Protein backbone atom coordinates (compact mmCIF):
# COMPACT_ATOMS: atom_id res chain seq x y z
CA MET A 1 -8.09 -20.77 -23.48
CA THR A 2 -6.20 -18.25 -21.44
CA PRO A 3 -7.95 -15.02 -21.12
CA GLU A 4 -6.22 -11.65 -21.99
CA ILE A 5 -6.68 -8.40 -20.12
CA ASP A 6 -5.44 -5.21 -21.81
CA LEU A 7 -4.30 -2.79 -19.09
CA THR A 8 -4.86 0.15 -21.48
CA ASP A 9 -8.48 -0.80 -22.13
CA PHE A 10 -10.79 2.00 -20.77
CA LYS A 11 -13.22 -0.61 -19.50
CA VAL A 12 -10.49 -2.34 -17.52
CA LEU A 13 -9.19 0.91 -16.18
CA THR A 14 -12.64 2.04 -15.01
CA ASP A 15 -13.89 -1.31 -13.83
CA PRO A 16 -11.04 -3.71 -13.17
CA PHE A 17 -13.23 -5.97 -10.92
CA THR A 18 -15.53 -6.96 -13.64
CA ALA A 19 -12.56 -7.64 -16.04
CA TYR A 20 -10.77 -9.84 -13.55
CA ASP A 21 -13.93 -11.58 -12.31
CA GLN A 22 -14.55 -12.67 -15.88
CA ALA A 23 -11.08 -13.90 -16.50
CA ARG A 24 -11.03 -15.73 -13.17
CA GLU A 25 -14.02 -17.78 -14.06
CA VAL A 26 -12.45 -18.80 -17.25
CA SER A 27 -8.95 -19.71 -15.87
CA ALA A 28 -6.69 -19.29 -12.92
CA LEU A 29 -4.20 -17.72 -15.18
CA ALA A 30 -4.57 -14.67 -17.42
CA ARG A 31 -2.17 -13.01 -19.77
CA LEU A 32 -1.75 -9.15 -19.14
CA VAL A 33 -1.25 -7.01 -22.19
CA ILE A 34 1.21 -4.06 -21.08
CA PRO A 35 2.81 -1.88 -23.75
CA GLY A 36 6.58 -2.26 -23.66
CA PHE A 37 6.59 -5.50 -21.82
CA GLY A 38 6.98 -9.23 -22.91
CA PRO A 39 4.91 -12.04 -21.61
CA PHE A 40 3.19 -11.07 -18.24
CA TRP A 41 1.00 -13.60 -16.39
CA ALA A 42 -1.50 -12.82 -13.68
CA LEU A 43 -2.98 -15.33 -11.25
CA THR A 44 -6.68 -14.57 -10.76
CA ARG A 45 -7.76 -17.06 -8.14
CA TYR A 46 -7.08 -16.89 -4.38
CA ARG A 47 -5.43 -20.31 -3.82
CA GLU A 48 -3.17 -20.21 -6.77
CA ALA A 49 -2.15 -16.58 -6.17
CA ARG A 50 -1.45 -17.20 -2.50
CA ALA A 51 0.62 -20.36 -3.29
CA MET A 52 2.76 -18.44 -5.86
CA LEU A 53 3.56 -15.73 -3.47
CA ALA A 54 5.17 -18.17 -1.11
CA ASP A 55 6.71 -20.45 -3.86
CA PRO A 56 10.50 -20.16 -4.13
CA ARG A 57 10.30 -21.00 -7.81
CA PHE A 58 9.15 -17.39 -8.25
CA GLU A 59 11.58 -14.60 -7.25
CA VAL A 60 11.56 -10.86 -6.92
CA ARG A 61 14.37 -9.02 -8.89
CA SER A 62 15.39 -5.46 -9.35
CA GLU A 63 13.70 -5.65 -12.74
CA SER A 64 10.38 -6.28 -10.94
CA PHE A 65 10.31 -2.45 -10.20
CA MET A 66 9.99 0.33 -12.61
CA ARG A 67 12.12 3.36 -11.87
CA PRO A 68 11.65 6.84 -13.51
CA PRO A 69 14.58 8.08 -15.47
CA GLY A 70 16.72 10.97 -14.06
CA ILE A 71 17.51 9.54 -10.57
CA PRO A 72 21.04 11.03 -9.64
CA GLU A 73 23.73 8.51 -9.54
CA HIS A 74 24.46 9.19 -5.70
CA CYS A 75 20.91 8.17 -4.90
CA LEU A 76 20.99 4.72 -6.55
CA GLU A 77 22.69 2.84 -3.72
CA TYR A 78 19.62 3.68 -1.45
CA MET A 79 17.02 2.63 -4.01
CA ARG A 80 17.35 -1.14 -3.61
CA THR A 81 15.06 -1.95 -0.72
CA MET A 82 14.18 -5.15 1.00
CA ALA A 83 11.27 -5.55 -1.52
CA GLU A 84 13.80 -6.08 -4.27
CA GLN A 85 15.80 -8.74 -2.39
CA ASP A 86 15.32 -12.53 -1.91
CA GLY A 87 17.20 -15.18 -0.04
CA PRO A 88 19.69 -14.71 2.67
CA GLU A 89 20.06 -10.91 2.03
CA HIS A 90 16.33 -10.32 2.30
CA LEU A 91 16.10 -12.57 5.43
CA ARG A 92 18.93 -10.75 7.13
CA LEU A 93 17.35 -7.37 6.80
CA ARG A 94 13.85 -8.52 7.64
CA ARG A 95 15.03 -10.09 10.86
CA LEU A 96 16.89 -6.91 11.86
CA VAL A 97 13.94 -4.59 11.25
CA ALA A 98 10.97 -6.86 12.03
CA PRO A 99 10.83 -6.04 15.87
CA ALA A 100 10.09 -2.40 14.99
CA PHE A 101 7.05 -3.36 13.01
CA THR A 102 5.18 -5.77 15.20
CA PRO A 103 1.44 -5.49 16.12
CA LYS A 104 2.53 -4.50 19.57
CA ARG A 105 4.70 -1.75 18.32
CA ALA A 106 1.86 -0.56 16.11
CA ALA A 107 -0.49 -0.53 19.08
CA GLN A 108 2.03 1.57 21.06
CA LEU A 109 1.98 4.13 18.12
CA ARG A 110 -1.78 4.52 18.31
CA PRO A 111 -1.92 7.61 20.52
CA ARG A 112 0.53 9.53 18.33
CA LEU A 113 -1.29 8.35 15.22
CA ALA A 114 -4.55 9.59 16.84
CA ALA A 115 -3.08 12.95 17.69
CA LEU A 116 -1.85 13.43 14.09
CA THR A 117 -5.27 12.38 12.77
CA GLU A 118 -7.19 14.85 15.01
CA ARG A 119 -5.01 17.67 13.96
CA LEU A 120 -5.68 17.05 10.33
CA LEU A 121 -9.36 16.76 11.08
CA ASP A 122 -9.41 20.06 12.94
CA GLU A 123 -8.08 21.70 9.79
CA LEU A 124 -10.37 19.98 7.40
CA PRO A 125 -13.43 22.45 7.45
CA GLY A 126 -11.11 25.28 6.75
CA HIS A 127 -10.27 23.73 3.34
CA ALA A 128 -13.86 23.53 2.21
CA GLU A 129 -15.10 25.73 -0.60
CA ASP A 130 -18.84 26.20 -0.85
CA GLY A 131 -19.23 23.36 1.77
CA VAL A 132 -17.23 20.84 -0.25
CA VAL A 133 -13.69 19.45 0.49
CA ASP A 134 -11.35 17.20 -1.46
CA LEU A 135 -10.42 14.58 1.07
CA ILE A 136 -7.32 13.38 -0.64
CA PRO A 137 -4.95 16.32 -0.42
CA HIS A 138 -6.20 17.57 2.97
CA PHE A 139 -6.53 14.31 4.90
CA ALA A 140 -5.80 10.93 3.19
CA ARG A 141 -2.50 12.04 1.44
CA PRO A 142 -0.83 13.99 4.26
CA LEU A 143 -1.63 11.64 7.06
CA PRO A 144 0.57 8.68 6.02
CA MET A 145 3.56 11.04 5.41
CA ASP A 146 2.93 12.62 8.78
CA VAL A 147 3.01 9.08 10.47
CA ILE A 148 6.28 8.25 8.46
CA CYS A 149 7.75 11.55 9.71
CA GLU A 150 6.78 10.60 13.26
CA MET A 151 8.23 7.24 13.04
CA ALA A 152 11.53 8.26 11.44
CA GLY A 153 12.00 11.18 13.78
CA ILE A 154 11.83 13.80 11.07
CA ALA A 155 12.00 17.36 12.65
CA GLU A 156 8.62 19.10 12.96
CA VAL A 157 9.87 22.18 10.99
CA ASP A 158 10.77 19.70 8.01
CA ARG A 159 7.39 17.96 7.79
CA PRO A 160 5.66 20.30 5.42
CA ARG A 161 8.18 19.66 2.75
CA TRP A 162 8.02 15.87 3.48
CA ARG A 163 4.36 16.02 2.66
CA GLU A 164 5.30 17.41 -0.69
CA TYR A 165 7.62 14.50 -1.03
CA GLY A 166 4.78 12.12 -0.21
CA ALA A 167 2.49 13.73 -2.74
CA ALA A 168 5.07 13.40 -5.52
CA VAL A 169 5.60 9.76 -4.66
CA ALA A 170 1.91 8.88 -4.38
CA GLY A 171 1.49 10.53 -7.80
CA GLY A 172 3.41 7.65 -9.42
CA ALA A 173 6.57 7.38 -11.39
CA GLY A 174 7.23 10.55 -13.24
CA PRO A 175 9.28 13.85 -13.17
CA ASP A 176 7.92 14.92 -9.71
CA PHE A 177 8.65 11.44 -8.27
CA ALA A 178 12.25 11.61 -9.52
CA ALA A 179 12.78 15.14 -8.45
CA ALA A 180 11.75 14.29 -4.86
CA ILE A 181 14.13 11.47 -4.38
CA PRO A 182 17.37 13.42 -3.72
CA ALA A 183 15.63 15.46 -1.01
CA ILE A 184 14.28 12.32 0.47
CA ILE A 185 17.52 10.62 0.65
CA GLU A 186 19.22 13.72 2.11
CA GLY A 187 16.51 14.03 4.79
CA ALA A 188 17.01 10.41 5.53
CA LYS A 189 20.65 10.86 6.02
CA GLU A 190 20.14 13.78 8.39
CA ALA A 191 17.70 11.87 10.38
CA VAL A 192 20.06 8.86 10.73
CA ALA A 193 23.02 11.03 11.80
CA ARG A 194 20.73 12.82 14.23
CA SER A 195 19.50 9.58 15.71
CA ARG A 196 23.12 8.26 16.08
CA ALA A 197 24.12 11.40 17.91
CA GLU A 198 20.98 11.81 20.00
CA PRO A 199 18.77 8.70 20.24
CA GLY A 200 15.14 9.36 20.23
CA ASP A 201 11.95 7.42 20.67
CA ASP A 202 11.32 6.68 17.03
CA LEU A 203 12.01 3.90 14.47
CA ILE A 204 15.56 4.90 13.55
CA GLY A 205 16.54 5.23 17.19
CA ASP A 206 15.22 1.70 17.85
CA LEU A 207 17.02 0.23 14.92
CA VAL A 208 20.36 2.18 15.53
CA HIS A 209 20.52 1.07 19.17
CA ALA A 210 18.50 -2.06 19.72
CA GLN A 211 20.56 -4.75 18.02
CA ASP A 212 23.64 -6.56 19.34
CA GLY A 213 26.04 -8.02 16.99
CA ASP A 214 24.80 -7.65 13.42
CA ARG A 215 23.43 -4.15 12.78
CA LEU A 216 21.97 -2.02 10.01
CA THR A 217 24.65 0.10 8.17
CA ASP A 218 23.79 3.87 7.68
CA THR A 219 23.21 2.98 4.05
CA GLU A 220 20.66 0.38 5.21
CA LEU A 221 18.96 2.66 7.48
CA VAL A 222 18.69 5.46 4.76
CA THR A 223 17.28 2.86 2.36
CA LEU A 224 14.69 1.79 5.07
CA VAL A 225 13.47 5.38 5.23
CA TRP A 226 13.15 5.51 1.51
CA HIS A 227 11.22 2.14 1.69
CA LEU A 228 8.91 3.55 4.31
CA VAL A 229 8.22 6.67 2.10
CA LEU A 230 7.70 4.50 -0.87
CA ALA A 231 5.51 1.64 0.70
CA GLY A 232 3.89 4.01 3.12
CA GLN A 233 1.67 5.70 0.60
CA THR A 234 -0.65 2.64 0.35
CA PRO A 235 -2.98 4.11 3.11
CA VAL A 236 -3.51 7.23 1.11
CA ASN A 237 -5.60 5.34 -1.51
CA LEU A 238 -6.90 2.79 0.96
CA ILE A 239 -8.47 5.46 3.16
CA ALA A 240 -9.91 7.23 0.13
CA ASN A 241 -11.27 3.99 -1.31
CA ALA A 242 -12.62 2.96 2.07
CA VAL A 243 -14.41 6.25 2.73
CA GLU A 244 -16.11 6.02 -0.79
CA ALA A 245 -17.14 2.34 -0.28
CA LEU A 246 -18.58 3.03 3.26
CA LEU A 247 -20.59 6.07 2.09
CA ARG A 248 -21.96 3.95 -0.76
CA HIS A 249 -22.94 1.15 1.66
CA PRO A 250 -24.51 3.06 4.52
CA ASP A 251 -25.85 -0.05 6.11
CA GLN A 252 -22.14 -1.21 6.77
CA LEU A 253 -21.39 2.30 8.11
CA ASP A 254 -24.33 2.09 10.37
CA LEU A 255 -22.97 -1.10 11.89
CA LEU A 256 -19.55 0.49 12.56
CA ARG A 257 -21.23 3.60 14.14
CA ALA A 258 -23.44 1.34 16.27
CA ASP A 259 -20.48 -0.78 17.47
CA PRO A 260 -16.90 0.63 16.87
CA GLY A 261 -15.61 -2.75 17.86
CA TRP A 262 -16.05 -3.87 14.28
CA TRP A 263 -13.58 -1.39 13.08
CA PRO A 264 -10.48 -3.78 13.12
CA GLY A 265 -12.13 -6.42 11.05
CA ALA A 266 -13.67 -3.73 8.76
CA VAL A 267 -10.23 -2.49 7.74
CA GLU A 268 -9.40 -6.14 6.75
CA GLU A 269 -12.67 -6.32 4.72
CA LEU A 270 -12.10 -2.97 3.13
CA MET A 271 -8.54 -4.13 2.11
CA ARG A 272 -10.20 -7.07 0.47
CA PHE A 273 -13.09 -5.29 -1.08
CA CYS A 274 -11.36 -2.08 -2.35
CA SER A 275 -7.64 -2.44 -1.95
CA PRO A 276 -5.66 0.24 -3.92
CA GLN A 277 -3.28 -2.38 -5.01
CA LEU A 278 -4.64 -4.46 -7.93
CA LEU A 279 -1.48 -6.46 -8.58
CA THR A 280 1.42 -7.54 -6.51
CA THR A 281 4.98 -6.83 -7.43
CA PRO A 282 5.92 -9.12 -10.33
CA ARG A 283 8.01 -12.28 -9.63
CA PHE A 284 10.15 -14.00 -12.28
CA ALA A 285 10.06 -17.75 -12.72
CA ARG A 286 13.28 -19.54 -11.80
CA GLU A 287 12.30 -22.43 -13.97
CA ASP A 288 9.38 -23.75 -16.05
CA VAL A 289 6.24 -24.01 -13.90
CA GLU A 290 2.83 -25.34 -14.84
CA ILE A 291 -0.16 -23.72 -13.34
CA ASP A 292 -3.70 -24.69 -14.18
CA GLY A 293 -2.55 -26.43 -17.22
CA GLN A 294 -0.51 -23.33 -18.49
CA LEU A 295 3.21 -23.49 -18.86
CA ILE A 296 5.07 -20.53 -17.38
CA ARG A 297 8.59 -20.55 -18.82
CA GLU A 298 11.75 -19.72 -16.91
CA GLY A 299 12.28 -15.99 -16.82
CA GLU A 300 8.68 -14.97 -17.46
CA ARG A 301 6.93 -12.32 -15.27
CA VAL A 302 4.10 -13.46 -12.94
CA THR A 303 1.88 -11.49 -10.62
CA ALA A 304 -0.89 -12.06 -8.30
CA ALA A 305 -4.00 -10.27 -9.25
CA MET A 306 -5.37 -9.40 -5.80
CA VAL A 307 -8.37 -7.72 -7.53
CA GLY A 308 -9.43 -11.19 -8.77
CA ALA A 309 -8.21 -13.39 -6.00
CA ASP A 310 -9.71 -11.32 -3.05
CA ARG A 311 -13.16 -11.63 -4.69
CA ASP A 312 -12.84 -15.29 -5.55
CA PRO A 313 -16.26 -16.99 -4.79
CA ARG A 314 -14.44 -20.24 -4.24
CA VAL A 315 -12.98 -18.71 -0.98
CA PHE A 316 -15.25 -15.75 0.01
CA ALA A 317 -18.94 -16.17 0.22
CA ASP A 318 -20.90 -13.41 -1.63
CA ALA A 319 -17.50 -12.10 -2.56
CA ASP A 320 -18.63 -8.95 -4.31
CA ARG A 321 -20.51 -7.68 -1.20
CA LEU A 322 -18.89 -5.52 1.43
CA ASP A 323 -19.45 -7.04 4.83
CA VAL A 324 -17.52 -5.37 7.65
CA THR A 325 -18.52 -8.22 10.00
CA ARG A 326 -16.91 -10.78 7.63
CA SER A 327 -14.45 -13.46 9.05
CA GLY A 328 -12.53 -16.12 7.23
CA PRO A 329 -9.34 -16.38 5.04
CA ALA A 330 -6.99 -13.51 5.14
CA GLN A 331 -7.14 -11.03 2.17
CA LEU A 332 -4.07 -10.69 0.07
CA GLY A 333 -3.82 -6.96 0.07
CA PHE A 334 -0.68 -6.90 2.14
CA SER A 335 0.66 -9.89 -0.12
CA HIS A 336 1.81 -13.10 1.44
CA GLY A 337 4.92 -15.16 2.02
CA PRO A 338 8.42 -13.73 2.42
CA HIS A 339 7.39 -10.32 1.07
CA PHE A 340 4.37 -9.97 3.17
CA CYS A 341 4.12 -6.21 3.84
CA LEU A 342 6.53 -5.19 6.61
CA GLY A 343 4.39 -2.26 7.78
CA ALA A 344 0.94 -4.03 7.55
CA SER A 345 0.37 -3.72 11.29
CA ILE A 346 0.98 0.04 11.26
CA ALA A 347 -1.11 0.51 8.10
CA ARG A 348 -4.06 -1.31 9.76
CA VAL A 349 -3.90 0.91 12.84
CA GLU A 350 -3.41 3.88 10.84
CA THR A 351 -6.30 3.17 8.63
CA GLU A 352 -8.59 2.29 11.61
CA VAL A 353 -7.78 5.35 13.54
CA ALA A 354 -8.23 7.52 10.44
CA LEU A 355 -11.63 6.15 9.32
CA SER A 356 -13.18 5.93 12.77
CA ALA A 357 -12.09 9.35 13.63
CA LEU A 358 -13.26 10.88 10.41
CA PHE A 359 -16.88 9.38 10.54
CA ARG A 360 -17.16 10.26 14.26
CA ARG A 361 -16.02 13.93 13.79
CA PHE A 362 -18.25 14.31 10.63
CA PRO A 363 -21.43 12.28 11.09
CA ASP A 364 -23.21 13.94 8.08
CA LEU A 365 -20.18 13.15 5.67
CA ALA A 366 -21.46 12.60 2.19
CA LEU A 367 -20.22 12.28 -1.31
CA ALA A 368 -20.36 15.36 -3.41
CA GLY A 369 -20.81 13.97 -6.96
CA ASP A 370 -19.15 11.35 -8.91
CA VAL A 371 -15.58 9.89 -7.99
CA PRO A 372 -13.19 10.08 -10.96
CA ARG A 373 -10.57 7.41 -11.04
CA ALA A 374 -6.84 7.70 -12.03
CA PRO A 375 -6.17 5.81 -15.22
CA ASP A 376 -3.71 3.31 -13.61
CA GLY A 377 -3.81 -0.41 -14.49
CA GLY A 378 -1.96 -1.34 -11.34
CA THR A 379 -3.66 0.82 -8.75
CA TRP A 380 -7.51 1.49 -7.93
CA ARG A 381 -7.44 5.06 -6.84
CA PRO A 382 -9.62 8.13 -6.98
CA ALA A 383 -8.31 11.31 -8.67
CA LYS A 384 -10.17 13.27 -6.25
CA LEU A 385 -12.79 12.69 -3.39
CA LEU A 386 -15.15 15.55 -3.02
CA LEU A 387 -17.10 15.49 0.22
CA THR A 388 -19.68 17.47 2.09
CA LEU A 389 -18.98 17.71 5.74
């Protein structure tokens, strides 16, 4: 019997871990119930999920992505990012931009990321009211957009409004999201034009001038900036989730404070334990495929349920326990296969720098009450994160 998970069920929204754990122990495949969609399959076990993400019988299409209504016509050509492409087109773009996203390049960015982080932490006490501050609007949300602005060469004077764009995008598909898109596209066009005229030490400068032969067009460069804005919001919720998790597991936080050398591995473990992304971008079956005795028909949607796969006890010992010293198989929070997250190295460094600096600067950091969750079946994220400094 194939288990069913209703993504509108309050119990699923407030505790997806239990829902997917229960489904996983029945079958490697669950049926997701989502209003307005047809058949939707979720792979709940690690090995099956990882295999599907690298299986050419499952493809990403434009229909894999939901776009809010109201996006102006002139913006649409910039909306189809690499994440929506497969085959030679995807491979060409990936090959051209990959050198700008290597672990080495991420390590070179560390001093600039640290400076951005320290500046936000300097300002954090000033946002406190009666000794309590919401970490999300004053740290977790602005930091990733500040990083994107730094990478893309956005002028300092323009960064406050880019923070507003980031907040709109991080809030999910809706009127604010759609309204921010024209301004983001226009800003990206300006950044590309400026980089062509005056090359800078930033991502666009690297991509404009580094390639010989085949190069990115202006449209592709602008689309890449949009992709960065869209995908670059993941650390917002990862940082918030990680802060809550570490404060609820003080023994693990003590290990990190005693030996900061554990931080890189801790980021991987936190991504496994409390990733903000519960499900991968849906794939479509190119042909009939059987998984764990269940037939997935050609054209049906399939997703990897990272929330189940990354806590699969078949792969991870004591899978429901946070262990910052854990080693072993790679978590799937950044996906796998051809669509493995291009910015994973940068997100890792950004998250490590943010968390280590936060807990160093505020050794008495503590939760100030319950942590309400946004009602989102695809994302595990706090609506607010109130802390005492």
